[in-house]
Amino acid sequence: MAARELDPQERLDWLRLARTETVGPVTFYALLRRFGSARTALEALPRLSRPIAAMSRRDAEAEVAALGRLGARLVCWGEPDYPASLAAVEDGPPILTVLGDSGLLRAPIVAVVGARNASANGRRIAGELAAGLGAAGIVVVSGMARGIDAAAHLGALDSGSIAVVAGGADIVYPPENKGLYDALAARGAVVAELPLGTEPQARHFPRRNRIISGMARGVVVVEAAAKSGSLITARFALEQGREVFAVPGSPLDPRSRGCNDLLRSGATLTETAADILAQLGPFLENEMPPPRPRERNLQPRLPLAGAAPDGPGTPQIPPRIPEDAALELLVEKLSPTPVAVDELVRQCHLSAASIATLLLELELAGRIERHPGNLVSLR
């Protein structure tokens, strides 16, 4: 289905819903499925059994005005400039702040990441790989950190480079990369999930990393110590079905341990851009994965993500059981240990759709946490 631009009012509704406390990406899309549009979801939040206060219209309008002053804009999921690969990721951000050329997000993208305390050779290799990818029409994405990230951005600056940052799009981090930030804003793009003015914190970087891998067709790691952030990006890439590439290094250098471990685990050994292009060639020639159905086509009657549609063999909530009682029954079955949603359906003797709705309300109230594999637990 062809993507379309949201009108200004729709975009404002998306911003308000996405910025609402306890509404993460998965919950955002679940609300769209349940209520059909961001506006209807906003209207319904106060009526939930655990009422949630949405971001105010005034605050949303102030954020949009601040974006305009910066020269940035919002790109919403499913719009033409939203990266198609990222749109296929379950927890892809509903909205992105983009400073610079948002058209770069439409191109085939490969990530190049690595150590902050990179060696001179590592920086050189990262720059050469990025330049080689750029010459082949590939846009390079990285995290604007010092070391390998900065070298990759510089290598691809003339052909197209995107920095995904862990704070607001107006925050330069690290400060030493101010010149690189200015160059990317003028000739590339700076992308952020979080609002303007947000200072990067440790918990923000994994969120940033899953966007880097999500928008890329493949992730190239150049120098990475064991348990480094670059390996987190590689792990996200594997979970998202992306190709992982690693540059081999000396076993005497701790900065090569992560890459060598990736190679032992099946990553593609990479020395030049040609190694990457040879592996990704068939994918780059095919069309990008289609995005989710647009908001205007979401029907309230659709089951929530992860919930099976009701059928003849699915137990239903008896009419005599009030919603509060059903919620209490579900909470009794939950604990800090993750449990499968299907198991909750079986033990509570409620329909899958009802369990999904109740879990959504608990998630909005900040009482549960979702885990990979359709598992949930009490916070």
Protein backbone atom coordinates (compact mmCIF):
# COMPACT_ATOMS: atom_id res chain seq x y z
CA MET A 1 0.00 0.00 0.00
CA ALA A 2 1.37 3.39 -0.95
CA ALA A 3 2.51 5.58 1.92
CA ARG A 4 0.86 8.93 2.48
CA GLU A 5 1.67 12.10 4.38
CA LEU A 6 -0.34 12.74 7.51
CA ASP A 7 -2.12 16.06 7.58
CA PRO A 8 -0.92 18.55 10.27
CA GLN A 9 -3.72 17.66 12.66
CA GLU A 10 -3.11 13.92 12.36
CA ARG A 11 0.61 14.46 12.92
CA LEU A 12 -0.16 16.46 16.05
CA ASP A 13 -2.39 13.63 17.32
CA TRP A 14 0.36 11.08 16.66
CA LEU A 15 2.86 13.28 18.54
CA ARG A 16 0.53 13.64 21.54
CA LEU A 17 -0.13 9.90 21.73
CA ALA A 18 3.52 8.91 21.21
CA ARG A 19 4.73 11.35 23.88
CA THR A 20 2.16 10.18 26.45
CA GLU A 21 3.71 8.58 29.52
CA THR A 22 3.67 4.73 29.49
CA VAL A 23 2.79 4.66 25.77
CA GLY A 24 5.74 2.97 24.10
CA PRO A 25 5.89 1.95 20.42
CA VAL A 26 4.20 -1.44 20.86
CA THR A 27 1.45 0.11 22.98
CA PHE A 28 1.05 2.94 20.46
CA TYR A 29 0.33 0.52 17.62
CA ALA A 30 -1.94 -1.55 19.87
CA LEU A 31 -3.96 1.58 20.63
CA LEU A 32 -4.28 2.31 16.91
CA ARG A 33 -5.51 -1.22 16.33
CA ARG A 34 -8.01 -0.99 19.13
CA PHE A 35 -9.38 2.50 18.47
CA GLY A 36 -8.68 3.00 14.76
CA SER A 37 -6.92 6.39 14.95
CA ALA A 38 -4.63 8.39 17.21
CA ARG A 39 -7.37 10.94 17.85
CA THR A 40 -9.88 8.31 18.98
CA ALA A 41 -7.22 6.69 21.17
CA LEU A 42 -6.48 10.04 22.83
CA GLU A 43 -10.17 10.52 23.53
CA ALA A 44 -10.39 7.03 25.04
CA LEU A 45 -7.37 7.24 27.38
CA PRO A 46 -9.24 9.00 30.23
CA ARG A 47 -12.01 6.38 30.08
CA LEU A 48 -9.74 3.36 30.58
CA SER A 49 -9.96 1.55 33.90
CA ARG A 50 -6.53 2.99 34.65
CA PRO A 51 -6.89 6.52 33.23
CA ILE A 52 -3.83 7.99 31.45
CA ALA A 53 -3.28 11.70 30.88
CA ALA A 54 -2.16 12.33 27.32
CA MET A 55 0.35 14.96 26.26
CA SER A 56 -1.49 18.27 26.05
CA ARG A 57 -2.22 19.91 22.73
CA ARG A 58 -0.37 23.02 23.89
CA ASP A 59 2.80 21.04 24.64
CA ALA A 60 2.56 19.24 21.29
CA GLU A 61 2.15 22.52 19.41
CA ALA A 62 5.12 23.94 21.31
CA GLU A 63 7.28 20.97 20.26
CA VAL A 64 6.25 21.35 16.62
CA ALA A 65 7.07 25.08 16.76
CA ALA A 66 10.48 24.34 18.30
CA LEU A 67 11.17 21.82 15.52
CA GLY A 68 10.35 24.49 12.95
CA ARG A 69 12.80 26.93 14.55
CA LEU A 70 15.52 24.28 14.47
CA GLY A 71 14.77 23.43 10.84
CA ALA A 72 13.71 19.89 11.75
CA ARG A 73 10.47 18.00 11.14
CA LEU A 74 8.52 15.00 12.35
CA VAL A 75 8.34 11.88 10.20
CA CYS A 76 5.61 9.44 11.24
CA TRP A 77 5.47 5.70 10.71
CA GLY A 78 4.10 4.88 7.27
CA GLU A 79 4.88 8.28 5.72
CA PRO A 80 7.03 8.30 2.55
CA ASP A 81 10.21 9.38 4.37
CA TYR A 82 9.90 6.84 7.17
CA PRO A 83 12.52 4.09 6.61
CA ALA A 84 10.70 1.09 5.16
CA SER A 85 12.95 -1.42 6.93
CA LEU A 86 12.30 0.25 10.28
CA ALA A 87 8.55 0.26 9.59
CA ALA A 88 8.66 -3.55 9.52
CA VAL A 89 10.15 -3.71 13.05
CA GLU A 90 7.58 -4.43 15.76
CA ASP A 91 8.80 -1.65 18.06
CA GLY A 92 9.82 0.88 15.41
CA PRO A 93 9.24 4.41 16.76
CA PRO A 94 5.84 5.87 15.75
CA ILE A 95 7.52 9.22 15.13
CA LEU A 96 11.05 10.34 14.33
CA THR A 97 12.55 13.80 14.55
CA VAL A 98 14.64 14.45 11.44
CA LEU A 99 17.09 17.33 11.06
CA GLY A 100 18.55 17.60 7.57
CA ASP A 101 17.68 15.66 4.43
CA SER A 102 14.81 13.31 5.34
CA GLY A 103 14.91 11.91 1.79
CA LEU A 104 18.03 9.94 2.77
CA LEU A 105 15.80 7.73 4.91
CA ARG A 106 14.19 6.35 1.73
CA ALA A 107 17.47 4.98 0.34
CA PRO A 108 19.01 1.54 0.97
CA ILE A 109 20.86 1.86 4.28
CA VAL A 110 23.75 -0.02 5.90
CA ALA A 111 24.99 0.63 9.44
CA VAL A 112 28.67 0.93 10.34
CA VAL A 113 29.38 0.92 14.09
CA GLY A 114 32.25 0.17 16.44
CA ALA A 115 34.47 1.14 19.33
CA ARG A 116 34.68 4.67 20.69
CA ASN A 117 38.37 4.26 21.56
CA ALA A 118 39.11 3.03 18.05
CA SER A 119 42.58 2.47 16.69
CA ALA A 120 43.92 4.47 13.78
CA ASN A 121 43.55 1.44 11.52
CA GLY A 122 40.01 0.87 12.70
CA ARG A 123 39.04 4.45 11.89
CA ARG A 124 40.65 4.15 8.47
CA ILE A 125 38.82 0.91 7.68
CA ALA A 126 35.49 2.37 8.84
CA GLY A 127 35.98 5.43 6.64
CA GLU A 128 36.93 3.33 3.62
CA LEU A 129 34.00 0.95 4.07
CA ALA A 130 31.59 3.87 4.37
CA ALA A 131 33.02 5.58 1.30
CA GLY A 132 32.80 2.36 -0.70
CA LEU A 133 29.17 1.84 0.32
CA GLY A 134 28.38 5.43 -0.58
CA ALA A 135 29.92 5.02 -4.01
CA ALA A 136 27.51 2.13 -4.59
CA GLY A 137 24.50 4.28 -3.69
CA ILE A 138 24.14 3.07 -0.11
CA VAL A 139 23.44 5.53 2.71
CA VAL A 140 25.49 4.88 5.86
CA VAL A 141 23.89 5.13 9.30
CA SER A 142 25.73 5.24 12.61
CA GLY A 143 25.43 6.71 16.10
CA MET A 144 27.65 9.84 15.94
CA ALA A 145 29.82 8.55 18.79
CA ARG A 146 33.54 9.22 18.78
CA GLY A 147 35.80 6.67 17.10
CA ILE A 148 34.36 4.28 14.51
CA ASP A 149 30.97 6.03 14.27
CA ALA A 150 32.53 9.41 13.51
CA ALA A 151 34.90 7.88 10.95
CA ALA A 152 32.00 6.16 9.18
CA HIS A 153 29.99 9.39 9.02
CA LEU A 154 32.94 11.29 7.59
CA GLY A 155 33.63 8.57 5.01
CA ALA A 156 30.05 8.75 3.71
CA LEU A 157 29.42 12.46 4.14
CA ASP A 158 29.61 13.23 0.42
CA SER A 159 27.31 10.36 -0.57
CA GLY A 160 24.84 10.40 2.31
CA SER A 161 25.07 9.66 6.02
CA ILE A 162 22.50 9.50 8.84
CA ALA A 163 23.26 9.89 12.55
CA VAL A 164 20.78 8.37 15.01
CA VAL A 165 21.31 10.10 18.37
CA ALA A 166 20.40 8.95 21.88
CA GLY A 167 19.02 12.31 22.99
CA GLY A 168 17.13 15.10 21.30
CA ALA A 169 18.03 16.05 17.74
CA ASP A 170 19.25 19.42 19.02
CA ILE A 171 21.73 17.96 21.54
CA VAL A 172 25.31 17.41 20.39
CA TYR A 173 26.87 14.39 22.08
CA PRO A 174 29.74 14.03 22.52
CA PRO A 175 30.44 17.79 22.42
CA GLU A 176 33.66 17.20 20.51
CA ASN A 177 31.56 16.14 17.50
CA LYS A 178 29.96 19.56 17.07
CA GLY A 179 31.60 20.02 13.68
CA LEU A 180 30.39 16.59 12.53
CA TYR A 181 26.89 17.35 13.82
CA ASP A 182 26.77 20.60 11.84
CA ALA A 183 28.00 18.82 8.71
CA LEU A 184 25.40 16.07 9.05
CA ALA A 185 22.60 18.59 9.64
CA ALA A 186 23.66 20.46 6.49
CA ARG A 187 24.59 17.57 4.17
CA GLY A 188 23.12 14.44 5.76
CA ALA A 189 20.54 13.84 8.47
CA VAL A 190 20.30 13.67 12.25
CA VAL A 191 17.52 11.42 13.56
CA ALA A 192 16.12 11.14 17.09
CA GLU A 193 13.27 9.26 18.76
CA LEU A 194 13.24 11.41 21.91
CA PRO A 195 11.97 15.01 22.23
CA LEU A 196 14.12 18.09 21.68
CA GLY A 197 16.20 19.03 24.69
CA THR A 198 16.56 15.43 25.94
CA GLU A 199 20.07 14.83 27.26
CA PRO A 200 21.46 11.37 26.41
CA GLN A 201 21.41 8.92 29.32
CA ALA A 202 22.70 5.36 29.58
CA ARG A 203 19.22 3.84 29.18
CA HIS A 204 18.69 5.75 25.92
CA PHE A 205 21.53 4.14 23.99
CA PRO A 206 20.02 0.65 23.54
CA ARG A 207 16.85 2.34 22.20
CA ARG A 208 19.04 4.29 19.78
CA ASN A 209 20.89 1.12 18.75
CA ARG A 210 17.71 -0.76 17.83
CA ILE A 211 16.78 2.12 15.47
CA ILE A 212 20.21 2.01 13.82
CA SER A 213 19.91 -1.72 13.13
CA GLY A 214 16.21 -1.48 12.30
CA MET A 215 16.59 1.04 9.50
CA ALA A 216 19.59 -0.79 7.99
CA ARG A 217 19.74 -3.78 5.66
CA GLY A 218 22.93 -4.90 7.37
CA VAL A 219 25.17 -3.92 10.31
CA VAL A 220 28.95 -3.76 9.97
CA VAL A 221 30.99 -3.87 13.18
CA VAL A 222 34.54 -2.49 13.08
CA GLU A 223 36.36 -3.03 16.41
CA ALA A 224 34.22 -3.82 19.44
CA ALA A 225 35.20 -4.94 22.90
CA ALA A 226 33.30 -7.76 24.56
CA LYS A 227 29.93 -6.54 25.99
CA SER A 228 30.15 -3.27 24.07
CA GLY A 229 27.29 -1.18 22.73
CA SER A 230 28.20 -2.18 19.20
CA LEU A 231 27.49 -5.81 20.07
CA ILE A 232 24.08 -4.73 21.38
CA THR A 233 23.43 -3.23 17.94
CA ALA A 234 24.56 -6.50 16.32
CA ARG A 235 22.23 -8.47 18.60
CA PHE A 236 19.31 -6.24 17.64
CA ALA A 237 20.26 -6.77 13.99
CA LEU A 238 20.07 -10.55 14.38
CA GLU A 239 16.71 -10.32 16.17
CA GLN A 240 15.39 -8.11 13.36
CA GLY A 241 16.61 -10.46 10.63
CA ARG A 242 19.42 -8.23 9.39
CA GLU A 243 22.79 -9.33 8.02
CA VAL A 244 25.74 -8.88 10.38
CA PHE A 245 29.27 -8.18 9.13
CA ALA A 246 32.47 -8.00 11.18
CA VAL A 247 36.00 -6.83 10.44
CA PRO A 248 38.55 -9.32 11.89
CA GLY A 249 41.27 -8.06 14.19
CA SER A 250 44.29 -9.14 16.17
CA PRO A 251 43.53 -11.43 19.13
CA LEU A 252 46.03 -9.32 21.07
CA ASP A 253 43.79 -6.25 20.81
CA PRO A 254 40.79 -6.24 23.23
CA ARG A 255 38.96 -3.99 20.74
CA SER A 256 38.86 -6.90 18.29
CA ARG A 257 37.40 -9.46 20.68
CA GLY A 258 33.79 -8.58 19.92
CA CYS A 259 34.26 -8.75 16.15
CA ASN A 260 36.14 -12.03 16.34
CA ASP A 261 33.35 -13.48 18.49
CA LEU A 262 30.80 -12.35 15.91
CA LEU A 263 32.79 -14.09 13.19
CA ARG A 264 32.84 -17.32 15.21
CA SER A 265 29.07 -16.99 15.49
CA GLY A 266 28.57 -16.73 11.74
CA ALA A 267 28.94 -13.05 10.88
CA THR A 268 30.28 -12.30 7.39
CA LEU A 269 34.02 -11.62 7.37
CA THR A 270 34.46 -8.13 5.96
CA GLU A 271 37.56 -6.44 4.58
CA THR A 272 36.13 -4.16 1.88
CA ALA A 273 32.79 -2.70 0.85
CA ALA A 274 32.66 -5.33 -1.90
CA ASP A 275 32.25 -8.03 0.78
CA ILE A 276 29.14 -6.24 2.07
CA LEU A 277 27.68 -5.56 -1.36
CA ALA A 278 28.19 -9.17 -2.45
CA GLN A 279 26.15 -10.40 0.53
CA LEU A 280 23.44 -7.74 0.38
CA GLY A 281 23.15 -7.46 -3.40
CA PRO A 282 20.00 -9.61 -3.76
CA PHE A 283 18.29 -7.74 -0.92
CA LEU A 284 19.19 -4.31 -2.29
CA GLU A 285 17.73 -5.21 -5.68
CA ASN A 286 14.37 -6.25 -4.21
CA GLU A 287 11.69 -3.95 -2.96
CA MET A 288 11.84 -2.85 0.67
CA PRO A 289 9.51 -4.67 3.11
CA PRO A 290 6.01 -3.16 3.04
CA PRO A 291 5.05 -1.02 6.04
CA ARG A 292 2.15 -1.85 8.33
CA PRO A 293 -1.35 -0.88 7.16
CA ARG A 294 -1.93 2.85 7.37
CA GLU A 295 -3.90 4.30 10.27
CA ARG A 296 -6.96 5.01 8.15
CA ASN A 297 -7.23 1.28 7.39
CA LEU A 298 -6.88 0.06 10.96
CA GLN A 299 -10.19 -1.30 12.20
CA PRO A 300 -11.16 -1.32 15.89
CA ARG A 301 -12.42 -4.89 15.47
CA LEU A 302 -8.91 -6.21 14.64
CA PRO A 303 -7.24 -8.15 17.46
CA LEU A 304 -4.28 -6.54 19.16
CA ALA A 305 -0.79 -7.57 18.13
CA GLY A 306 0.05 -10.96 19.59
CA ALA A 307 -3.59 -11.87 20.21
CA ALA A 308 -5.38 -14.61 18.28
CA PRO A 309 -8.79 -13.72 16.84
CA ASP A 310 -11.79 -15.13 18.65
CA GLY A 311 -13.15 -18.36 17.22
CA PRO A 312 -15.57 -21.12 18.08
CA GLY A 313 -13.03 -22.82 20.35
CA THR A 314 -11.91 -19.67 22.17
CA PRO A 315 -13.33 -19.19 25.69
CA GLN A 316 -15.20 -15.91 26.14
CA ILE A 317 -15.60 -13.72 29.22
CA PRO A 318 -18.96 -14.62 30.72
CA PRO A 319 -21.23 -11.56 30.69
CA ARG A 320 -21.64 -11.80 34.46
CA ILE A 321 -17.91 -11.14 35.12
CA PRO A 322 -17.29 -7.38 35.45
CA GLU A 323 -14.21 -5.90 33.83
CA ASP A 324 -12.66 -5.09 37.22
CA ALA A 325 -13.04 -8.70 38.32
CA ALA A 326 -11.46 -9.94 35.10
CA LEU A 327 -8.56 -7.53 35.63
CA GLU A 328 -8.04 -8.75 39.19
CA LEU A 329 -8.10 -12.35 37.98
CA LEU A 330 -5.42 -11.58 35.42
CA VAL A 331 -3.23 -9.72 37.93
CA GLU A 332 -3.37 -12.73 40.26
CA LYS A 333 -1.82 -14.85 37.51
CA LEU A 334 1.03 -12.44 36.90
CA SER A 335 4.36 -12.24 38.73
CA PRO A 336 7.82 -10.73 38.19
CA THR A 337 8.70 -13.91 36.26
CA PRO A 338 7.73 -13.57 32.54
CA VAL A 339 4.80 -15.73 31.44
CA ALA A 340 3.41 -16.42 27.97
CA VAL A 341 0.25 -14.56 27.01
CA ASP A 342 -1.21 -17.80 25.68
CA GLU A 343 -0.75 -19.34 29.12
CA LEU A 344 -2.70 -16.46 30.67
CA VAL A 345 -5.53 -17.08 28.21
CA ARG A 346 -5.66 -20.74 29.23
CA GLN A 347 -5.47 -20.18 32.97
CA CYS A 348 -7.85 -17.20 33.15
CA HIS A 349 -10.43 -18.81 30.83
CA LEU A 350 -10.84 -15.48 29.05
CA SER A 351 -10.74 -14.76 25.34
CA ALA A 352 -7.42 -13.84 23.75
CA ALA A 353 -8.82 -10.47 22.71
CA SER A 354 -9.99 -9.75 26.27
CA ILE A 355 -6.60 -10.70 27.73
CA ALA A 356 -4.89 -8.45 25.18
CA THR A 357 -7.15 -5.53 26.12
CA LEU A 358 -6.55 -6.02 29.84
CA LEU A 359 -2.80 -6.30 29.33
CA LEU A 360 -2.88 -3.09 27.33
CA GLU A 361 -4.53 -1.29 30.24
CA LEU A 362 -1.97 -2.70 32.69
CA GLU A 363 0.85 -1.63 30.37
CA LEU A 364 -0.55 1.89 30.09
CA ALA A 365 -0.68 2.02 33.88
CA GLY A 366 2.99 1.00 34.03
CA ARG A 367 2.21 -2.22 35.93
CA ILE A 368 3.57 -4.79 33.48
CA GLU A 369 6.56 -5.20 31.22
CA ARG A 370 6.61 -6.96 27.85
CA HIS A 371 9.40 -9.34 26.84
CA PRO A 372 10.45 -11.01 23.57
CA GLY A 373 8.46 -14.10 22.67
CA ASN A 374 5.07 -12.63 23.64
CA LEU A 375 5.89 -12.82 27.38
CA VAL A 376 4.75 -10.42 30.08
CA SER A 377 5.62 -9.85 33.75
CA LEU A 378 4.71 -7.55 36.61
CA ARG A 379 7.03 -4.60 37.09
